[in-house]
């Protein structure tokens, strides 16, 4: 049978010259179209499964593999991040989580730039006739959409931080970038179980009859503890640091994360405010 791509004779399942599969093996039906679409996006040949197993169970492995030139075994760093991003925001939309899609009320009351945010919103609504409550609902809905694309801007800042705290490691700059991409992919995936762990802690506290815990404080503590553990293991494996230097590096990186998050939220606020028109 001739290859549908290059015309060479195919003896086995795949062409020996270009790698194309025999037409008789996949056909032109709707079932084939659906299967190939899933395969091309999620790489169900095993790479996606191997990638996320390594990402979650063996922190730092993907970064080491990439720097060593391993490409065919795992998904690329950005592919990994995009899938993690999609998974997280599907879950966040379904559950109403706003960890990354910051509500307007939080911008105006719980951030270092709250005074500027309040003034900007008041100026935007001045003379429009739209109530704050109506604008807030539309702003929050828009924030969910903007957060999906803006979250990637935290990666360069974190990569720069990794490069600074890992100075003297003699690693190529691209390793810091890849490490940051994998770390944020793991963070996005980790936010899902972290929310349920935080909820369980609050529930246990209420059942025990203790003073109610602040949900945001509990979630922040759970995320910080998980991030510190993950980054310690990842730094040890990806950079080969001793335990003491790995812990110092981890503490510095965990300390930088809130600063990066504030900058991200400020950017998210500015973009969402600009893209949310007032009703006149």
Protein backbone atom coordinates (compact mmCIF):
# COMPACT_ATOMS: atom_id res chain seq x y z
CA UNK A 1 0.00 0.00 0.00
CA UNK A 2 1.43 3.44 -0.92
CA UNK A 3 2.01 6.00 1.81
CA UNK A 4 -0.68 8.75 1.69
CA UNK A 5 1.98 11.34 2.51
CA UNK A 6 5.11 10.56 0.45
CA UNK A 7 3.94 7.75 -1.83
CA UNK A 8 6.50 5.18 -0.66
CA UNK A 9 5.35 1.58 -0.24
CA UNK A 10 4.23 0.86 3.36
CA UNK A 11 4.98 -2.63 4.61
CA UNK A 12 4.21 -2.20 8.30
CA UNK A 13 1.85 0.10 10.23
CA UNK A 14 3.98 3.22 9.60
CA UNK A 15 5.94 4.49 6.60
CA UNK A 16 9.66 3.85 6.90
CA UNK A 17 10.48 7.13 5.13
CA UNK A 18 8.20 9.78 6.68
CA UNK A 19 6.53 8.01 9.62
CA UNK A 20 2.95 8.43 8.32
CA UNK A 21 0.41 5.81 9.44
CA UNK A 22 -1.34 3.60 6.89
CA UNK A 23 -4.71 5.00 5.81
CA UNK A 24 -6.37 1.64 6.45
CA UNK A 25 -5.32 1.88 10.12
CA UNK A 26 -7.09 5.14 10.86
CA UNK A 27 -9.56 5.70 8.01
CA UNK A 28 -11.55 8.84 7.22
CA UNK A 29 -14.60 8.41 9.46
CA UNK A 30 -15.87 10.70 12.24
CA UNK A 31 -14.57 8.31 14.90
CA UNK A 32 -11.10 8.56 13.40
CA UNK A 33 -11.32 12.35 13.27
CA UNK A 34 -12.28 12.52 16.96
CA UNK A 35 -9.58 10.06 18.01
CA UNK A 36 -6.83 11.84 16.07
CA UNK A 37 -7.91 15.23 17.46
CA UNK A 38 -7.58 13.93 21.00
CA UNK A 39 -4.26 12.27 20.22
CA UNK A 40 -2.76 15.36 18.62
CA UNK A 41 -3.78 17.63 21.51
CA UNK A 42 -3.23 15.43 24.54
CA UNK A 43 -0.57 13.09 23.13
CA UNK A 44 -2.31 9.99 24.40
CA UNK A 45 0.62 8.00 23.09
CA UNK A 46 1.79 8.12 26.70
CA UNK A 47 3.79 11.35 26.77
CA UNK A 48 1.12 13.35 28.60
CA UNK A 49 0.71 10.67 31.25
CA UNK A 50 4.47 10.35 31.73
CA UNK A 51 4.86 14.12 31.83
CA UNK A 52 2.34 14.78 34.57
CA UNK A 53 3.43 11.74 36.57
CA UNK A 54 6.98 13.11 36.56
CA UNK A 55 5.79 16.67 37.23
CA UNK A 56 3.84 15.69 40.34
CA UNK A 57 5.67 12.64 41.68
CA UNK A 58 9.30 13.54 40.83
CA UNK A 59 9.76 17.33 41.04
CA UNK A 60 12.64 18.61 38.92
CA UNK A 61 12.80 15.53 36.67
CA UNK A 62 11.27 17.27 33.65
CA UNK A 63 13.70 20.19 33.90
CA UNK A 64 16.69 17.85 34.09
CA UNK A 65 15.40 15.82 31.15
CA UNK A 66 14.88 18.92 29.01
CA UNK A 67 18.34 20.32 29.68
CA UNK A 68 19.87 16.94 28.84
CA UNK A 69 18.14 17.00 25.47
CA UNK A 70 15.32 14.54 26.15
CA UNK A 71 12.42 15.67 23.96
CA UNK A 72 10.41 12.69 22.73
CA UNK A 73 9.64 11.12 26.10
CA UNK A 74 7.83 14.10 27.66
CA UNK A 75 5.67 17.00 26.54
CA UNK A 76 7.48 20.28 25.97
CA UNK A 77 7.50 22.76 28.88
CA UNK A 78 4.93 25.13 27.34
CA UNK A 79 2.65 22.25 26.29
CA UNK A 80 2.75 21.02 29.87
CA UNK A 81 1.93 24.49 31.22
CA UNK A 82 -0.93 25.07 28.76
CA UNK A 83 -2.62 21.78 29.69
CA UNK A 84 -2.19 22.50 33.41
CA UNK A 85 -3.61 25.99 32.83
CA UNK A 86 -6.66 24.59 31.03
CA UNK A 87 -7.28 21.96 33.70
CA UNK A 88 -7.03 24.51 36.51
CA UNK A 89 -9.32 27.11 34.95
CA UNK A 90 -11.94 24.52 34.00
CA UNK A 91 -12.00 23.48 37.64
CA UNK A 92 -11.94 27.11 38.86
CA UNK A 93 -14.86 28.04 36.59
CA UNK A 94 -16.88 25.01 37.68
CA UNK A 95 -16.29 25.60 41.41
CA UNK A 96 -16.18 29.40 41.47
CA UNK A 97 -12.63 29.51 42.81
CA UNK A 98 -11.04 32.95 42.53
CA UNK A 99 -7.50 32.26 43.71
CA UNK A 100 -6.02 33.66 40.49
CA UNK A 101 -9.07 35.49 39.06
CA UNK A 102 -9.11 38.15 41.76
CA UNK A 103 -12.55 39.73 42.44
CA UNK A 104 -12.93 43.50 42.32
CA UNK A 105 -13.70 43.62 46.05
CA UNK A 106 -10.30 42.08 46.81
CA UNK A 107 -8.51 44.55 44.51
CA UNK A 108 -10.18 47.45 46.32
CA UNK A 109 -9.74 46.26 49.91
CA UNK A 110 -6.99 43.66 50.37
CA UNK A 111 -4.10 44.67 48.09
CA UNK A 112 -1.21 47.14 48.44
CA UNK A 113 -2.69 49.14 45.54
CA UNK A 114 -6.25 49.22 46.95
CA UNK A 115 -6.37 53.04 47.15
CA UNK A 116 -5.34 53.41 43.51
CA UNK A 117 -7.77 50.66 42.48
CA UNK A 118 -10.67 52.30 44.29
CA UNK A 119 -9.87 55.68 42.72
CA UNK A 120 -9.60 54.15 39.24
CA UNK A 121 -12.97 52.40 39.57
CA UNK A 122 -14.65 55.54 40.91
CA UNK A 123 -13.27 57.54 38.00
CA UNK A 124 -14.45 54.88 35.55
CA UNK A 125 -17.99 54.91 36.92
CA UNK A 126 -18.25 58.68 37.33
CA UNK A 127 -21.10 60.01 35.22
CA UNK A 128 -21.95 56.57 33.80
CA UNK A 129 -25.08 55.88 35.82
CA UNK A 130 -24.01 52.26 36.41
CA UNK A 131 -24.07 51.03 40.00
CA UNK A 132 -20.98 49.59 41.67
CA UNK A 133 -22.76 46.25 42.21
CA UNK A 134 -23.57 45.86 38.51
CA UNK A 135 -20.08 46.84 37.40
CA UNK A 136 -18.53 44.52 40.00
CA UNK A 137 -20.43 41.49 38.63
CA UNK A 138 -19.29 42.21 35.08
CA UNK A 139 -15.72 42.94 36.22
CA UNK A 140 -15.46 39.63 38.10
CA UNK A 141 -16.77 37.68 35.11
CA UNK A 142 -14.25 39.39 32.85
CA UNK A 143 -11.46 38.77 35.34
CA UNK A 144 -11.94 35.00 35.01
CA UNK A 145 -11.37 35.24 31.26
CA UNK A 146 -8.35 37.56 31.48
CA UNK A 147 -6.65 35.50 34.20
CA UNK A 148 -6.32 32.48 31.88
CA UNK A 149 -3.95 34.33 29.58
CA UNK A 150 -2.24 36.69 32.04
CA UNK A 151 -1.10 33.98 34.46
CA UNK A 152 1.76 33.15 32.09
CA UNK A 153 3.33 36.56 32.80
CA UNK A 154 4.33 35.37 36.27
CA UNK A 155 6.75 32.87 34.73
CA UNK A 156 9.44 35.34 33.50
CA UNK A 157 9.50 37.06 36.89
CA UNK A 158 9.87 33.74 38.70
CA UNK A 159 12.55 32.60 36.23
CA UNK A 160 14.52 35.78 36.97
CA UNK A 161 14.21 35.08 40.69
CA UNK A 162 15.42 31.50 40.17
CA UNK A 163 18.41 32.80 38.22
CA UNK A 164 19.31 35.21 41.03
CA UNK A 165 19.03 32.75 43.93
CA UNK A 166 20.80 30.02 41.94
CA UNK A 167 23.73 32.25 41.02
CA UNK A 168 26.96 30.30 40.84
CA UNK A 169 25.20 27.08 39.89
CA UNK A 170 26.71 27.27 36.38
CA UNK A 171 23.42 26.29 34.79
CA UNK A 172 22.34 27.73 31.41
CA UNK A 173 19.76 30.55 31.61
CA UNK A 174 17.23 28.41 29.73
CA UNK A 175 17.21 25.99 32.67
CA UNK A 176 15.86 28.72 34.96
CA UNK A 177 13.07 29.44 32.48
CA UNK A 178 12.17 25.76 32.04
CA UNK A 179 12.29 25.26 35.82
CA UNK A 180 9.90 28.20 36.26
CA UNK A 181 7.49 26.86 33.63
CA UNK A 182 7.38 23.43 35.23
CA UNK A 183 7.04 24.94 38.71
CA UNK A 184 4.02 27.01 37.69
CA UNK A 185 2.45 24.06 35.89
CA UNK A 186 2.77 22.09 39.13
CA UNK A 187 1.41 25.06 41.10
CA UNK A 188 -1.70 25.26 38.91
CA UNK A 189 -2.37 21.54 39.33
CA UNK A 190 -1.62 21.78 43.05
CA UNK A 191 -4.15 24.57 43.62
CA UNK A 192 -6.96 22.07 43.08
CA UNK A 193 -6.20 19.66 45.97
CA UNK A 194 -4.97 22.60 48.09
CA UNK A 195 -8.46 24.11 48.02
CA UNK A 196 -9.99 20.86 49.30
CA UNK A 197 -7.33 20.43 51.99
CA UNK A 198 -7.97 23.98 53.19
CA UNK A 199 -11.72 23.29 53.20
CA UNK A 200 -11.18 20.11 55.24
CA UNK A 201 -9.08 22.01 57.80
CA UNK A 202 -11.83 24.62 58.19
CA UNK A 203 -14.45 21.87 58.59
CA UNK A 204 -12.44 20.06 61.27
CA UNK A 205 -11.98 23.35 63.11
CA UNK A 206 -15.74 23.98 63.12
CA UNK A 207 -16.59 20.43 64.19
CA UNK A 208 -14.08 20.70 67.04
CA UNK A 209 -15.91 23.79 68.25
CA UNK A 210 -12.95 26.09 67.84
CA UNK A 211 -13.01 29.67 66.63
CA UNK A 212 -13.76 29.75 62.87
CA UNK A 213 -10.66 30.06 60.73
CA UNK A 214 -10.31 32.58 57.94
CA UNK A 215 -10.63 30.65 54.67
CA UNK A 216 -8.13 32.74 52.71
CA UNK A 217 -5.55 32.49 55.50
CA UNK A 218 -5.87 28.71 55.66
CA UNK A 219 -5.66 28.35 51.88
CA UNK A 220 -2.59 30.62 51.75
CA UNK A 221 -0.87 28.54 54.43
CA UNK A 222 -1.65 25.26 52.65
CA UNK A 223 -0.38 26.61 49.31
CA UNK A 224 2.79 28.00 50.92
CA UNK A 225 3.56 24.69 52.65
CA UNK A 226 2.92 22.69 49.47
CA UNK A 227 4.97 25.10 47.34
CA UNK A 228 7.89 24.99 49.77
CA UNK A 229 7.91 21.19 49.81
CA UNK A 230 7.65 20.93 46.04
CA UNK A 231 10.31 23.56 45.33
CA UNK A 232 12.74 22.00 47.79
CA UNK A 233 12.51 18.64 46.03
CA UNK A 234 12.63 20.26 42.59
CA UNK A 235 15.66 22.42 43.40
CA UNK A 236 17.52 19.45 44.87
CA UNK A 237 16.95 17.38 41.75
CA UNK A 238 17.28 20.07 39.07
CA UNK A 239 20.27 21.93 40.51
CA UNK A 240 21.96 19.29 42.65
CA UNK A 241 22.16 21.58 45.70
CA UNK A 242 22.92 20.35 49.19
CA UNK A 243 20.03 20.19 51.65
CA UNK A 244 21.01 23.44 53.34
CA UNK A 245 21.37 25.42 50.11
CA UNK A 246 18.20 23.85 48.72
CA UNK A 247 16.24 25.01 51.78
CA UNK A 248 17.71 28.52 51.58
CA UNK A 249 16.89 28.67 47.87
CA UNK A 250 13.38 27.38 48.53
CA UNK A 251 12.67 29.92 51.27
CA UNK A 252 13.85 32.76 49.04
CA UNK A 253 11.68 31.57 46.14
CA UNK A 254 8.63 31.10 48.36
CA UNK A 255 9.23 34.60 49.70
CA UNK A 256 9.29 36.00 46.17
CA UNK A 257 6.01 34.37 45.15
CA UNK A 258 3.74 36.83 47.05
CA UNK A 259 5.53 39.76 45.38
CA UNK A 260 5.02 38.20 41.96
CA UNK A 261 1.37 37.49 42.81
CA UNK A 262 0.75 41.13 43.79
CA UNK A 263 2.31 42.31 40.52
CA UNK A 264 0.16 39.81 38.62
CA UNK A 265 -2.99 40.98 40.39
CA UNK A 266 -2.17 44.62 39.64
CA UNK A 267 -1.75 43.73 35.95
CA UNK A 268 -4.96 41.70 36.02
CA UNK A 269 -6.83 44.63 37.57
CA UNK A 270 -5.54 47.12 34.99
CA UNK A 271 -6.32 44.86 32.02
CA UNK A 272 -9.75 43.84 33.32
CA UNK A 273 -10.70 47.44 34.13
CA UNK A 274 -9.63 48.53 30.65
CA UNK A 275 -11.54 45.70 28.92
CA UNK A 276 -14.76 46.04 30.97
CA UNK A 277 -16.80 48.89 29.44
CA UNK A 278 -19.23 50.81 31.64
CA UNK A 279 -22.93 50.88 30.84
CA UNK A 280 -24.10 54.40 30.07
